[in-house]
Amino acid sequence: MHAMQYELTLPADYDMKIIRRRVARKGHLLDEWQGLGFKTYLMRERGVHGSPVNQYAPFYLWNTVAGMNSFLWGGPFQGIADDFGRPSVRQWTGLAYEEGGAAHSSARTAVRRRRRVPTDGLLSEVMAEAVRETGRLAGKDGAVLAAAAVDTGHWELVHFSLWEHDTPKTEGDVFEVLRMSAPGRDRLARSC
């Protein structure tokens, strides 16, 4: 399992309806993408949920590297690069994935929390705690799902969660979920 995200930070006066229309028009393109666990089409609007920026920032969990690579090297990602310039794409190795009690509900809100991996202590203990935190997030009221992943190049952990309501019970950057494509969600590994 691999996590991936890119962020398009847009001008403060950008009409975010453009992003909404883009997702409505093109979002279906990944509904059957081979190797994709899920893609959440995420947006932050300046001044909403404490966001300092306007941003389009889709988050992906991939079942296969081949699926991720086919998306990046000639798939729909080229449209992003053509329309907005080529963004930096963050990638993390998956640690855990858990369905929440609201797994069959539509996600309205997403929360992404990134933090540095502590330099002291055993890495195995840090990663085990990240897996446990994923289970705790998934167990909260209104949780659709939760995932954790690590970037060993920058030693950063990311926790990602989806919620059926607008008041998630966790800390981090809050995004509106515009759409979700989930062709392989049922095949995502529960823990790695």
N, C-alpha and C. Protein backbone atom coordinates (compact mmCIF):
# COMPACT_ATOMS: atom_id res chain seq x y z
N MET A 1 0.86 -1.18 0.00
CA MET A 1 0.00 0.00 0.00
C MET A 1 0.90 1.24 0.00
N HIS A 2 0.52 2.19 -0.82
CA HIS A 2 1.28 3.44 -0.94
C HIS A 2 0.31 4.61 -0.86
N ALA A 3 0.70 5.64 -0.13
CA ALA A 3 -0.08 6.87 -0.05
C ALA A 3 0.59 7.92 -0.94
N MET A 4 -0.23 8.81 -1.49
CA MET A 4 0.29 9.84 -2.39
C MET A 4 -0.60 11.07 -2.28
N GLN A 5 0.01 12.24 -2.36
CA GLN A 5 -0.75 13.48 -2.37
C GLN A 5 0.06 14.58 -3.05
N TYR A 6 -0.63 15.40 -3.80
CA TYR A 6 -0.04 16.64 -4.31
C TYR A 6 -0.99 17.76 -3.94
N GLU A 7 -0.43 18.96 -3.78
CA GLU A 7 -1.21 20.12 -3.37
C GLU A 7 -1.05 21.23 -4.39
N LEU A 8 -2.17 21.74 -4.84
CA LEU A 8 -2.17 22.90 -5.72
C LEU A 8 -2.68 24.07 -4.89
N THR A 9 -1.77 24.90 -4.41
CA THR A 9 -2.15 26.08 -3.64
C THR A 9 -2.46 27.18 -4.64
N LEU A 10 -3.65 27.71 -4.53
CA LEU A 10 -4.19 28.65 -5.52
C LEU A 10 -4.25 30.06 -4.93
N PRO A 11 -4.35 31.08 -5.77
CA PRO A 11 -4.42 32.46 -5.26
C PRO A 11 -5.60 32.66 -4.29
N ALA A 12 -5.44 33.62 -3.41
CA ALA A 12 -6.47 33.90 -2.40
C ALA A 12 -7.81 34.28 -3.02
N ASP A 13 -7.80 34.86 -4.20
CA ASP A 13 -9.07 35.26 -4.84
C ASP A 13 -9.52 34.26 -5.91
N TYR A 14 -8.92 33.08 -5.93
CA TYR A 14 -9.26 32.06 -6.93
C TYR A 14 -10.70 31.60 -6.73
N ASP A 15 -11.43 31.47 -7.80
CA ASP A 15 -12.82 31.00 -7.74
C ASP A 15 -12.81 29.47 -7.59
N MET A 16 -13.05 28.98 -6.40
CA MET A 16 -12.97 27.55 -6.12
C MET A 16 -14.10 26.76 -6.80
N LYS A 17 -15.06 27.46 -7.38
CA LYS A 17 -16.08 26.76 -8.19
C LYS A 17 -15.43 26.11 -9.40
N ILE A 18 -14.31 26.63 -9.84
CA ILE A 18 -13.58 26.05 -10.97
C ILE A 18 -13.12 24.63 -10.60
N ILE A 19 -12.62 24.48 -9.39
CA ILE A 19 -12.17 23.16 -8.92
C ILE A 19 -13.37 22.23 -8.77
N ARG A 20 -14.45 22.73 -8.21
CA ARG A 20 -15.66 21.90 -8.06
C ARG A 20 -16.15 21.40 -9.43
N ARG A 21 -16.16 22.28 -10.42
CA ARG A 21 -16.61 21.89 -11.76
C ARG A 21 -15.64 20.89 -12.39
N ARG A 22 -14.36 21.09 -12.17
CA ARG A 22 -13.36 20.17 -12.72
C ARG A 22 -13.56 18.77 -12.16
N VAL A 23 -13.75 18.67 -10.84
CA VAL A 23 -13.96 17.36 -10.21
C VAL A 23 -15.26 16.73 -10.71
N ALA A 24 -16.31 17.53 -10.83
CA ALA A 24 -17.59 17.00 -11.34
C ALA A 24 -17.45 16.48 -12.77
N ARG A 25 -16.62 17.14 -13.55
CA ARG A 25 -16.45 16.78 -14.96
C ARG A 25 -15.49 15.61 -15.16
N LYS A 26 -14.42 15.53 -14.35
CA LYS A 26 -13.36 14.55 -14.60
C LYS A 26 -13.21 13.49 -13.52
N GLY A 27 -13.89 13.63 -12.41
CA GLY A 27 -13.70 12.72 -11.29
C GLY A 27 -13.94 11.26 -11.60
N HIS A 28 -14.84 10.98 -12.51
CA HIS A 28 -15.18 9.59 -12.85
C HIS A 28 -14.03 8.84 -13.53
N LEU A 29 -13.02 9.54 -14.00
CA LEU A 29 -11.93 8.91 -14.75
C LEU A 29 -11.15 7.87 -13.95
N LEU A 30 -11.21 7.97 -12.63
CA LEU A 30 -10.48 7.00 -11.80
C LEU A 30 -11.40 5.97 -11.12
N ASP A 31 -12.67 5.98 -11.46
CA ASP A 31 -13.62 5.07 -10.80
C ASP A 31 -13.30 3.60 -11.01
N GLU A 32 -12.53 3.27 -12.05
CA GLU A 32 -12.17 1.87 -12.31
C GLU A 32 -10.67 1.71 -12.54
N TRP A 33 -9.87 2.63 -12.03
CA TRP A 33 -8.42 2.61 -12.28
C TRP A 33 -7.77 1.42 -11.59
N GLN A 34 -7.08 0.61 -12.36
CA GLN A 34 -6.40 -0.57 -11.82
C GLN A 34 -5.31 -0.17 -10.83
N GLY A 35 -5.30 -0.83 -9.68
CA GLY A 35 -4.28 -0.59 -8.67
C GLY A 35 -4.60 0.51 -7.68
N LEU A 36 -5.71 1.23 -7.91
CA LEU A 36 -6.10 2.32 -6.99
C LEU A 36 -7.00 1.78 -5.90
N GLY A 37 -6.60 1.99 -4.65
CA GLY A 37 -7.49 1.69 -3.52
C GLY A 37 -8.59 2.74 -3.48
N PHE A 38 -8.18 4.00 -3.28
CA PHE A 38 -9.11 5.12 -3.38
C PHE A 38 -8.38 6.42 -3.64
N LYS A 39 -9.13 7.34 -4.23
CA LYS A 39 -8.70 8.73 -4.38
C LYS A 39 -9.79 9.58 -3.78
N THR A 40 -9.41 10.49 -2.90
CA THR A 40 -10.34 11.48 -2.39
C THR A 40 -9.98 12.81 -3.02
N TYR A 41 -10.97 13.44 -3.61
CA TYR A 41 -10.80 14.74 -4.25
C TYR A 41 -11.04 15.79 -3.17
N LEU A 42 -9.96 16.38 -2.69
CA LEU A 42 -10.01 17.25 -1.52
C LEU A 42 -9.78 18.71 -1.88
N MET A 43 -10.44 19.57 -1.13
CA MET A 43 -10.31 21.01 -1.34
C MET A 43 -10.34 21.73 0.01
N ARG A 44 -9.52 22.78 0.09
CA ARG A 44 -9.59 23.70 1.24
C ARG A 44 -9.88 25.07 0.68
N GLU A 45 -10.76 25.79 1.38
CA GLU A 45 -11.06 27.17 1.00
C GLU A 45 -10.54 28.09 2.09
N ARG A 46 -9.92 29.15 1.68
CA ARG A 46 -9.37 30.14 2.61
C ARG A 46 -10.47 30.62 3.54
N GLY A 47 -10.21 30.52 4.85
CA GLY A 47 -11.15 31.00 5.85
C GLY A 47 -12.17 29.96 6.30
N VAL A 48 -12.21 28.80 5.66
CA VAL A 48 -13.14 27.73 6.04
C VAL A 48 -12.37 26.67 6.82
N HIS A 49 -12.89 26.25 7.97
CA HIS A 49 -12.22 25.27 8.84
C HIS A 49 -10.80 25.71 9.18
N GLY A 50 -10.58 27.00 9.28
CA GLY A 50 -9.27 27.52 9.67
C GLY A 50 -8.21 27.47 8.57
N SER A 51 -8.59 27.21 7.33
CA SER A 51 -7.61 27.13 6.26
C SER A 51 -7.07 28.51 5.90
N PRO A 52 -5.73 28.65 5.83
CA PRO A 52 -5.14 29.91 5.41
C PRO A 52 -5.05 30.04 3.89
N VAL A 53 -5.41 28.98 3.14
CA VAL A 53 -5.20 28.97 1.69
C VAL A 53 -6.39 28.35 0.95
N ASN A 54 -6.45 28.66 -0.34
CA ASN A 54 -7.29 27.93 -1.28
C ASN A 54 -6.40 26.82 -1.84
N GLN A 55 -6.91 25.60 -1.84
CA GLN A 55 -6.05 24.50 -2.23
C GLN A 55 -6.86 23.32 -2.75
N TYR A 56 -6.36 22.71 -3.80
CA TYR A 56 -6.86 21.42 -4.28
C TYR A 56 -5.78 20.42 -3.96
N ALA A 57 -6.11 19.35 -3.23
CA ALA A 57 -5.08 18.46 -2.71
C ALA A 57 -5.58 17.02 -2.62
N PRO A 58 -5.76 16.34 -3.75
CA PRO A 58 -6.24 14.96 -3.70
C PRO A 58 -5.30 14.04 -2.93
N PHE A 59 -5.89 13.07 -2.25
CA PHE A 59 -5.13 12.08 -1.48
C PHE A 59 -5.48 10.70 -2.00
N TYR A 60 -4.47 9.87 -2.20
CA TYR A 60 -4.63 8.55 -2.79
C TYR A 60 -4.06 7.48 -1.87
N LEU A 61 -4.68 6.31 -1.85
CA LEU A 61 -4.07 5.09 -1.33
C LEU A 61 -4.07 4.10 -2.49
N TRP A 62 -2.90 3.62 -2.83
CA TRP A 62 -2.71 2.71 -3.96
C TRP A 62 -2.49 1.29 -3.46
N ASN A 63 -3.09 0.33 -4.16
CA ASN A 63 -2.85 -1.08 -3.89
C ASN A 63 -1.58 -1.56 -4.57
N THR A 64 -1.25 -0.93 -5.71
CA THR A 64 -0.07 -1.36 -6.47
C THR A 64 0.74 -0.15 -6.94
N VAL A 65 2.04 -0.36 -7.01
CA VAL A 65 2.92 0.67 -7.55
C VAL A 65 2.67 0.81 -9.05
N ALA A 66 2.36 -0.29 -9.73
CA ALA A 66 2.08 -0.23 -11.16
C ALA A 66 0.89 0.69 -11.45
N GLY A 67 -0.16 0.62 -10.64
CA GLY A 67 -1.31 1.50 -10.83
C GLY A 67 -0.95 2.96 -10.61
N MET A 68 -0.15 3.22 -9.57
CA MET A 68 0.29 4.58 -9.28
C MET A 68 1.14 5.12 -10.43
N ASN A 69 2.07 4.29 -10.90
CA ASN A 69 2.96 4.74 -11.98
C ASN A 69 2.19 4.99 -13.28
N SER A 70 1.21 4.14 -13.59
CA SER A 70 0.45 4.36 -14.82
C SER A 70 -0.38 5.65 -14.73
N PHE A 71 -0.81 6.01 -13.53
CA PHE A 71 -1.51 7.28 -13.32
C PHE A 71 -0.56 8.46 -13.54
N LEU A 72 0.64 8.36 -12.95
CA LEU A 72 1.60 9.46 -13.02
C LEU A 72 2.26 9.60 -14.39
N TRP A 73 2.59 8.49 -15.04
CA TRP A 73 3.37 8.52 -16.28
C TRP A 73 2.47 8.34 -17.49
N GLY A 74 1.53 9.21 -17.67
CA GLY A 74 0.73 9.18 -18.87
C GLY A 74 -0.76 9.07 -18.62
N GLY A 75 -1.15 8.97 -17.38
CA GLY A 75 -2.56 8.91 -17.05
C GLY A 75 -3.12 10.30 -16.80
N PRO A 76 -4.20 10.38 -16.04
CA PRO A 76 -4.86 11.66 -15.77
C PRO A 76 -3.99 12.73 -15.11
N PHE A 77 -2.89 12.32 -14.48
CA PHE A 77 -2.02 13.31 -13.85
C PHE A 77 -1.49 14.33 -14.87
N GLN A 78 -1.35 13.90 -16.13
CA GLN A 78 -0.86 14.81 -17.16
C GLN A 78 -1.79 16.02 -17.30
N GLY A 79 -3.10 15.81 -17.10
CA GLY A 79 -4.05 16.93 -17.16
C GLY A 79 -3.78 17.97 -16.08
N ILE A 80 -3.43 17.51 -14.88
CA ILE A 80 -3.07 18.44 -13.79
C ILE A 80 -1.83 19.23 -14.19
N ALA A 81 -0.80 18.50 -14.68
CA ALA A 81 0.44 19.17 -15.07
C ALA A 81 0.19 20.18 -16.19
N ASP A 82 -0.66 19.81 -17.16
CA ASP A 82 -0.94 20.72 -18.27
C ASP A 82 -1.69 21.97 -17.81
N ASP A 83 -2.63 21.80 -16.90
CA ASP A 83 -3.50 22.91 -16.49
C ASP A 83 -2.93 23.78 -15.37
N PHE A 84 -2.11 23.20 -14.49
CA PHE A 84 -1.64 23.94 -13.30
C PHE A 84 -0.12 23.95 -13.15
N GLY A 85 0.60 23.26 -14.01
CA GLY A 85 2.03 23.07 -13.81
C GLY A 85 2.23 21.78 -13.03
N ARG A 86 3.41 21.20 -13.12
CA ARG A 86 3.67 19.91 -12.48
C ARG A 86 3.96 20.11 -10.99
N PRO A 87 3.05 19.67 -10.13
CA PRO A 87 3.28 19.82 -8.69
C PRO A 87 4.22 18.74 -8.16
N SER A 88 4.82 19.01 -7.04
CA SER A 88 5.58 17.99 -6.31
C SER A 88 4.58 16.96 -5.78
N VAL A 89 4.89 15.69 -5.94
CA VAL A 89 4.00 14.61 -5.49
C VAL A 89 4.64 13.93 -4.29
N ARG A 90 3.99 14.04 -3.15
CA ARG A 90 4.47 13.39 -1.92
C ARG A 90 4.07 11.93 -1.94
N GLN A 91 4.95 11.04 -1.48
CA GLN A 91 4.65 9.62 -1.40
C GLN A 91 5.09 9.08 -0.06
N TRP A 92 4.27 8.21 0.47
CA TRP A 92 4.55 7.56 1.75
C TRP A 92 4.30 6.05 1.60
N THR A 93 5.05 5.26 2.33
CA THR A 93 4.81 3.81 2.39
C THR A 93 3.72 3.55 3.41
N GLY A 94 2.73 2.76 3.02
CA GLY A 94 1.59 2.49 3.89
C GLY A 94 1.96 1.68 5.12
N LEU A 95 1.36 2.04 6.24
CA LEU A 95 1.54 1.32 7.50
C LEU A 95 0.26 0.63 7.93
N ALA A 96 -0.88 1.32 7.81
CA ALA A 96 -2.13 0.77 8.32
C ALA A 96 -3.32 1.40 7.61
N TYR A 97 -4.38 0.62 7.54
CA TYR A 97 -5.64 1.08 6.98
C TYR A 97 -6.75 0.41 7.77
N GLU A 98 -7.73 1.19 8.20
CA GLU A 98 -8.87 0.65 8.95
C GLU A 98 -10.15 1.32 8.50
N GLU A 99 -11.19 0.53 8.35
CA GLU A 99 -12.53 1.05 8.07
C GLU A 99 -13.14 1.53 9.39
N GLY A 100 -13.89 2.60 9.35
CA GLY A 100 -14.55 3.11 10.55
C GLY A 100 -15.98 2.62 10.64
N GLY A 101 -16.64 3.00 11.70
CA GLY A 101 -18.04 2.62 11.91
C GLY A 101 -18.97 3.21 10.87
N ALA A 102 -18.56 4.29 10.22
CA ALA A 102 -19.37 4.93 9.17
C ALA A 102 -18.83 4.59 7.78
N ALA A 103 -18.21 3.41 7.65
CA ALA A 103 -17.54 3.02 6.41
C ALA A 103 -18.45 3.05 5.20
N HIS A 104 -19.73 2.83 5.39
CA HIS A 104 -20.65 2.79 4.25
C HIS A 104 -21.33 4.14 3.99
N SER A 105 -20.90 5.17 4.72
CA SER A 105 -21.44 6.51 4.53
C SER A 105 -20.57 7.29 3.56
N SER A 106 -21.12 8.35 3.01
CA SER A 106 -20.33 9.25 2.17
C SER A 106 -19.45 10.12 3.05
N ALA A 107 -18.22 10.28 2.64
CA ALA A 107 -17.30 11.14 3.39
C ALA A 107 -17.55 12.59 3.03
N ARG A 108 -17.62 13.44 4.03
CA ARG A 108 -17.80 14.89 3.82
C ARG A 108 -16.53 15.66 4.12
N THR A 109 -15.76 15.15 5.09
CA THR A 109 -14.58 15.86 5.57
C THR A 109 -13.39 14.91 5.66
N ALA A 110 -12.21 15.42 5.38
CA ALA A 110 -10.97 14.66 5.54
C ALA A 110 -10.04 15.45 6.45
N VAL A 111 -9.22 14.72 7.20
CA VAL A 111 -8.20 15.36 8.03
C VAL A 111 -6.87 14.68 7.74
N ARG A 112 -5.86 15.51 7.48
CA ARG A 112 -4.50 15.01 7.26
C ARG A 112 -3.61 15.64 8.32
N ARG A 113 -2.92 14.76 9.05
CA ARG A 113 -1.97 15.25 10.07
C ARG A 113 -0.60 14.67 9.76
N ARG A 114 0.35 15.55 9.55
CA ARG A 114 1.72 15.13 9.30
C ARG A 114 2.56 15.50 10.50
N ARG A 115 3.52 14.62 10.82
CA ARG A 115 4.43 14.92 11.92
C ARG A 115 5.75 14.21 11.69
N ARG A 116 6.79 14.78 12.24
CA ARG A 116 8.12 14.18 12.13
C ARG A 116 8.19 12.91 12.97
N VAL A 117 8.92 11.93 12.47
CA VAL A 117 9.20 10.73 13.25
C VAL A 117 10.24 11.12 14.29
N PRO A 118 9.98 10.85 15.58
CA PRO A 118 10.94 11.22 16.62
C PRO A 118 12.31 10.58 16.36
N THR A 119 13.36 11.30 16.70
CA THR A 119 14.71 10.79 16.48
C THR A 119 15.18 9.85 17.59
N ASP A 120 14.48 9.89 18.71
CA ASP A 120 14.86 8.98 19.79
C ASP A 120 13.85 7.83 19.86
N GLY A 121 14.26 6.74 20.45
CA GLY A 121 13.37 5.58 20.58
C GLY A 121 13.51 4.64 19.39
N LEU A 122 12.88 3.50 19.51
CA LEU A 122 12.94 2.47 18.48
C LEU A 122 11.93 2.77 17.38
N LEU A 123 12.36 2.65 16.14
CA LEU A 123 11.46 2.88 15.01
C LEU A 123 10.28 1.91 15.04
N SER A 124 10.53 0.67 15.47
CA SER A 124 9.44 -0.32 15.53
C SER A 124 8.34 0.14 16.48
N GLU A 125 8.72 0.77 17.58
CA GLU A 125 7.72 1.26 18.54
C GLU A 125 6.95 2.46 17.97
N VAL A 126 7.64 3.35 17.28
CA VAL A 126 6.99 4.52 16.67
C VAL A 126 5.97 4.05 15.63
N MET A 127 6.36 3.09 14.80
CA MET A 127 5.46 2.60 13.76
C MET A 127 4.29 1.83 14.36
N ALA A 128 4.54 1.05 15.40
CA ALA A 128 3.45 0.33 16.06
C ALA A 128 2.45 1.31 16.66
N GLU A 129 2.93 2.41 17.21
CA GLU A 129 2.02 3.42 17.76
C GLU A 129 1.21 4.08 16.65
N ALA A 130 1.83 4.30 15.48
CA ALA A 130 1.10 4.87 14.35
C ALA A 130 -0.02 3.94 13.90
N VAL A 131 0.24 2.65 13.92
CA VAL A 131 -0.79 1.66 13.56
C VAL A 131 -1.92 1.70 14.60
N ARG A 132 -1.57 1.76 15.87
CA ARG A 132 -2.60 1.83 16.92
C ARG A 132 -3.43 3.11 16.79
N GLU A 133 -2.78 4.22 16.47
CA GLU A 133 -3.49 5.50 16.30
C GLU A 133 -4.49 5.39 15.15
N THR A 134 -4.14 4.68 14.11
CA THR A 134 -5.06 4.46 12.99
C THR A 134 -6.32 3.75 13.48
N GLY A 135 -6.16 2.74 14.30
CA GLY A 135 -7.31 2.03 14.87
C GLY A 135 -8.15 2.93 15.76
N ARG A 136 -7.48 3.78 16.55
CA ARG A 136 -8.22 4.71 17.43
C ARG A 136 -9.04 5.70 16.59
N LEU A 137 -8.43 6.24 15.54
CA LEU A 137 -9.15 7.17 14.67
C LEU A 137 -10.36 6.49 14.04
N ALA A 138 -10.17 5.30 13.51
CA ALA A 138 -11.26 4.58 12.86
C ALA A 138 -12.39 4.25 13.83
N GLY A 139 -12.07 4.16 15.11
CA GLY A 139 -13.06 3.83 16.12
C GLY A 139 -13.88 5.02 16.61
N LYS A 140 -13.53 6.22 16.19
CA LYS A 140 -14.27 7.40 16.64
C LYS A 140 -15.58 7.55 15.90
N ASP A 141 -16.54 8.20 16.56
CA ASP A 141 -17.87 8.40 16.00
C ASP A 141 -17.79 9.19 14.69
N GLY A 142 -18.38 8.65 13.64
CA GLY A 142 -18.42 9.32 12.36
C GLY A 142 -17.25 9.04 11.44
N ALA A 143 -16.30 8.21 11.88
CA ALA A 143 -15.14 7.90 11.04
C ALA A 143 -15.55 6.96 9.91
N VAL A 144 -15.19 7.33 8.69
CA VAL A 144 -15.40 6.48 7.53
C VAL A 144 -14.21 5.53 7.38
N LEU A 145 -13.00 6.08 7.50
CA LEU A 145 -11.79 5.27 7.43
C LEU A 145 -10.63 6.06 8.00
N ALA A 146 -9.54 5.36 8.25
CA ALA A 146 -8.31 5.99 8.71
C ALA A 146 -7.12 5.22 8.13
N ALA A 147 -6.03 5.94 7.90
CA ALA A 147 -4.83 5.31 7.35
C ALA A 147 -3.60 6.02 7.92
N ALA A 148 -2.50 5.29 7.92
CA ALA A 148 -1.22 5.86 8.33
C ALA A 148 -0.15 5.41 7.34
N ALA A 149 0.82 6.29 7.10
CA ALA A 149 1.92 5.98 6.19
C ALA A 149 3.14 6.77 6.63
N VAL A 150 4.31 6.35 6.12
CA VAL A 150 5.57 6.99 6.51
C VAL A 150 6.41 7.29 5.28
N ASP A 151 7.05 8.44 5.30
CA ASP A 151 8.03 8.85 4.28
C ASP A 151 9.39 8.72 4.94
N THR A 152 10.18 7.72 4.52
CA THR A 152 11.48 7.50 5.14
C THR A 152 12.56 8.42 4.58
N GLY A 153 12.26 9.14 3.50
CA GLY A 153 13.21 10.13 2.99
C GLY A 153 13.27 11.36 3.87
N HIS A 154 12.10 11.75 4.42
CA HIS A 154 12.02 12.92 5.30
C HIS A 154 11.65 12.52 6.73
N TRP A 155 11.49 11.23 6.99
CA TRP A 155 11.08 10.71 8.28
C TRP A 155 9.86 11.47 8.80
N GLU A 156 8.79 11.31 8.03
CA GLU A 156 7.53 11.96 8.34
C GLU A 156 6.41 10.92 8.35
N LEU A 157 5.57 10.98 9.36
CA LEU A 157 4.36 10.17 9.43
C LEU A 157 3.18 11.00 8.95
N VAL A 158 2.25 10.36 8.27
CA VAL A 158 1.01 11.02 7.90
C VAL A 158 -0.14 10.13 8.38
N HIS A 159 -1.09 10.77 9.04
CA HIS A 159 -2.36 10.13 9.39
C HIS A 159 -3.44 10.80 8.55
N PHE A 160 -4.26 9.99 7.92
CA PHE A 160 -5.32 10.49 7.05
C PHE A 160 -6.62 9.84 7.49
N SER A 161 -7.67 10.64 7.62
CA SER A 161 -8.96 10.09 8.02
C SER A 161 -10.09 10.78 7.27
N LEU A 162 -11.15 10.02 7.03
CA LEU A 162 -12.36 10.54 6.39
C LEU A 162 -13.50 10.46 7.38
N TRP A 163 -14.41 11.45 7.31
CA TRP A 163 -15.49 11.59 8.28
C TRP A 163 -16.81 11.84 7.56
N GLU A 164 -17.89 11.33 8.13
CA GLU A 164 -19.21 11.53 7.52
C GLU A 164 -19.82 12.87 7.89
N HIS A 165 -19.18 13.62 8.77
CA HIS A 165 -19.71 14.91 9.23
C HIS A 165 -18.62 15.98 9.12
N ASP A 166 -18.98 17.19 9.47
CA ASP A 166 -18.05 18.33 9.36
C ASP A 166 -17.29 18.63 10.64
N THR A 167 -17.43 17.79 11.66
CA THR A 167 -16.77 18.05 12.94
C THR A 167 -15.91 16.86 13.35
N PRO A 168 -14.82 16.59 12.60
CA PRO A 168 -13.98 15.44 12.92
C PRO A 168 -13.33 15.58 14.29
N LYS A 169 -13.14 14.46 14.94
CA LYS A 169 -12.58 14.43 16.29
C LYS A 169 -11.09 14.11 16.26
N THR A 170 -10.36 14.90 15.50
CA THR A 170 -8.91 14.74 15.42
C THR A 170 -8.29 16.05 14.95
N GLU A 171 -7.00 16.17 15.13
CA GLU A 171 -6.29 17.39 14.76
C GLU A 171 -5.62 17.22 13.41
N GLY A 172 -5.46 18.34 12.71
CA GLY A 172 -4.75 18.35 11.43
C GLY A 172 -5.40 19.30 10.46
N ASP A 173 -4.94 19.26 9.23
CA ASP A 173 -5.51 20.09 8.17
C ASP A 173 -6.83 19.48 7.74
N VAL A 174 -7.88 20.31 7.71
CA VAL A 174 -9.23 19.84 7.39
C VAL A 174 -9.55 20.20 5.94
N PHE A 175 -10.07 19.21 5.20
CA PHE A 175 -10.42 19.37 3.80
C PHE A 175 -11.88 18.99 3.59
N GLU A 176 -12.50 19.61 2.62
CA GLU A 176 -13.81 19.19 2.16
C GLU A 176 -13.60 18.07 1.14
N VAL A 177 -14.38 17.01 1.25
CA VAL A 177 -14.32 15.92 0.28
C VAL A 177 -15.32 16.23 -0.82
N LEU A 178 -14.83 16.42 -2.04
CA LEU A 178 -15.70 16.71 -3.17
C LEU A 178 -16.23 15.44 -3.81
N ARG A 179 -15.42 14.39 -3.78
CA ARG A 179 -15.77 13.13 -4.44
C ARG A 179 -14.78 12.07 -3.99
N MET A 180 -15.16 10.82 -4.19
CA MET A 180 -14.25 9.72 -3.90
C MET A 180 -14.38 8.66 -4.99
N SER A 181 -13.25 8.24 -5.53
CA SER A 181 -13.18 7.09 -6.43
C SER A 181 -12.53 5.98 -5.63
N ALA A 182 -13.15 4.80 -5.59
CA ALA A 182 -12.64 3.74 -4.72
C ALA A 182 -12.72 2.36 -5.36
N PRO A 183 -12.07 2.17 -6.51
CA PRO A 183 -12.20 0.87 -7.19
C PRO A 183 -11.58 -0.31 -6.44
N GLY A 184 -10.59 -0.06 -5.60
CA GLY A 184 -9.93 -1.17 -4.89
C GLY A 184 -9.91 -0.99 -3.40
N ARG A 185 -10.83 -0.22 -2.87
CA ARG A 185 -10.84 0.05 -1.42
C ARG A 185 -10.96 -1.24 -0.62
N ASP A 186 -11.74 -2.19 -1.13
CA ASP A 186 -11.94 -3.45 -0.41
C ASP A 186 -10.68 -4.33 -0.41
N ARG A 187 -9.68 -3.98 -1.20
CA ARG A 187 -8.45 -4.76 -1.27
C ARG A 187 -7.28 -4.09 -0.55
N LEU A 188 -7.51 -2.95 0.10
CA LEU A 188 -6.44 -2.29 0.83
C LEU A 188 -6.04 -3.13 2.04
N ALA A 189 -4.74 -3.24 2.25
CA ALA A 189 -4.22 -4.02 3.38
C ALA A 189 -4.58 -3.33 4.69
N ARG A 190 -5.02 -4.09 5.66
CA ARG A 190 -5.40 -3.54 6.96
C ARG A 190 -4.20 -3.05 7.75
N SER A 191 -3.06 -3.67 7.63
CA SER A 191 -1.84 -3.17 8.25
C SER A 191 -0.66 -3.80 7.52
N CYS A 192 0.47 -3.10 7.53
CA CYS A 192 1.65 -3.57 6.79
C CYS A 192 2.81 -3.78 7.73
